[in-house]
Amino acid sequence: MQTYGCERCGSYGDALTPCELSAEGTLLAEATVHLHADKNRLAPFTIVKVALDDGPVIRTLLADDSAPVAPGQRVTGRLVPTTQNESGETVLDLRFSIAS
């Protein structure tokens, strides 16, 4: 959970409370990265900007870089295993796919 403050009301820290958000929304924008400065980050990958049905706008990665995408398309998010942390636990990342 982020704790740096609400963009609307200015509340921060303990004044913020976690809430569940729908992992469905509308694609606002996309950009494909063909070369990344971090050599450990495999390119190409597609960054998407999604307006969630519950209100917030987020940026994350597209789960399937081979699918053609365009603003206005409906998308669905899911947690995808990416790496392992220092404790050996699987790290999950939110990725979006075009809704079927």
Protein backbone atom coordinates (compact mmCIF):
# COMPACT_ATOMS: atom_id res chain seq x y z
CA MET A 1 0.00 0.00 0.00
CA GLN A 2 1.26 3.46 -0.82
CA THR A 3 1.55 5.92 2.08
CA TYR A 4 2.79 9.13 0.44
CA GLY A 5 -0.62 10.79 0.35
CA CYS A 6 -3.93 11.16 -1.42
CA GLU A 7 -3.87 13.30 -4.56
CA ARG A 8 -7.42 14.50 -3.90
CA CYS A 9 -7.61 15.32 -0.17
CA GLY A 10 -3.98 15.35 1.01
CA SER A 11 -4.43 12.64 3.66
CA TYR A 12 -1.35 10.50 4.28
CA GLY A 13 0.14 7.83 6.54
CA ASP A 14 -2.27 6.30 9.06
CA ALA A 15 -5.16 8.35 7.64
CA LEU A 16 -5.10 6.12 4.55
CA THR A 17 -6.88 2.78 4.62
CA PRO A 18 -6.39 -0.15 2.25
CA CYS A 19 -9.25 -1.10 -0.04
CA GLU A 20 -9.80 -3.68 -2.74
CA LEU A 21 -10.02 -2.48 -6.33
CA SER A 22 -11.42 -4.20 -9.38
CA ALA A 23 -8.76 -5.46 -11.80
CA GLU A 24 -10.87 -4.39 -14.77
CA GLY A 25 -10.69 -1.15 -16.67
CA THR A 26 -10.13 0.73 -19.92
CA LEU A 27 -6.80 1.11 -21.69
CA LEU A 28 -5.87 4.80 -21.92
CA ALA A 29 -2.41 4.59 -23.48
CA GLU A 30 0.40 2.18 -24.33
CA ALA A 31 4.08 2.38 -25.15
CA THR A 32 6.44 -0.39 -26.17
CA VAL A 33 9.96 -0.26 -24.74
CA HIS A 34 12.44 -1.72 -27.23
CA LEU A 35 15.64 -1.00 -25.29
CA HIS A 36 15.93 -0.58 -21.53
CA ALA A 37 18.89 0.91 -19.64
CA ASP A 38 18.84 -2.02 -17.20
CA LYS A 39 20.43 -4.92 -19.09
CA ASN A 40 18.63 -7.36 -16.75
CA ARG A 41 15.26 -6.07 -17.99
CA LEU A 42 14.38 -8.00 -21.14
CA ALA A 43 12.89 -5.88 -23.93
CA PRO A 44 10.59 -5.45 -25.71
CA PHE A 45 7.77 -4.98 -23.21
CA THR A 46 4.66 -2.82 -23.26
CA ILE A 47 3.74 -0.32 -20.55
CA VAL A 48 0.03 0.45 -20.29
CA LYS A 49 -1.96 3.18 -18.57
CA VAL A 50 -5.30 1.84 -17.33
CA ALA A 51 -8.32 3.63 -15.87
CA LEU A 52 -9.67 1.10 -13.39
CA ASP A 53 -13.45 0.75 -13.15
CA ASP A 54 -13.13 1.70 -9.46
CA GLY A 55 -11.55 5.08 -10.30
CA PRO A 56 -7.74 5.12 -10.02
CA VAL A 57 -5.51 5.34 -13.09
CA ILE A 58 -2.47 3.06 -12.92
CA ARG A 59 0.57 2.20 -15.03
CA THR A 60 1.74 -1.37 -15.32
CA LEU A 61 2.84 -3.90 -17.92
CA LEU A 62 0.87 -5.71 -20.58
CA ALA A 63 0.85 -9.46 -19.93
CA ASP A 64 0.98 -10.42 -23.63
CA ASP A 65 3.22 -8.19 -25.74
CA SER A 66 2.15 -9.94 -28.96
CA ALA A 67 -1.48 -8.79 -28.74
CA PRO A 68 -2.32 -5.59 -30.65
CA VAL A 69 -3.70 -2.93 -28.30
CA ALA A 70 -5.38 0.45 -28.71
CA PRO A 71 -6.77 3.07 -26.35
CA GLY A 72 -10.39 2.42 -25.42
CA GLN A 73 -10.04 -1.37 -25.24
CA ARG A 74 -11.28 -3.15 -22.13
CA VAL A 75 -8.55 -4.86 -20.09
CA THR A 76 -8.42 -7.31 -17.19
CA GLY A 77 -5.61 -7.60 -14.66
CA ARG A 78 -4.11 -10.60 -12.93
CA LEU A 79 -1.17 -11.26 -10.63
CA VAL A 80 1.73 -12.88 -12.47
CA PRO A 81 4.77 -14.49 -10.79
CA THR A 82 7.89 -12.58 -11.86
CA THR A 83 10.90 -13.31 -9.61
CA GLN A 84 11.79 -14.45 -6.11
CA ASN A 85 12.76 -12.17 -3.22
CA GLU A 86 15.69 -12.68 -0.84
CA SER A 87 13.57 -15.05 1.29
CA GLY A 88 12.81 -17.26 -1.71
CA GLU A 89 9.17 -16.16 -1.89
CA THR A 90 7.59 -15.64 -5.29
CA VAL A 91 7.07 -11.98 -6.18
CA LEU A 92 3.79 -11.22 -7.96
CA ASP A 93 3.24 -8.28 -10.32
CA LEU A 94 -0.05 -6.91 -11.66
CA ARG A 95 -0.25 -7.32 -15.46
CA PHE A 96 -3.12 -6.58 -17.82
CA SER A 97 -4.51 -8.40 -20.85
CA ILE A 98 -7.11 -7.40 -23.41
CA ALA A 99 -10.51 -8.56 -22.12
CA SER A 100 -12.14 -11.29 -24.18
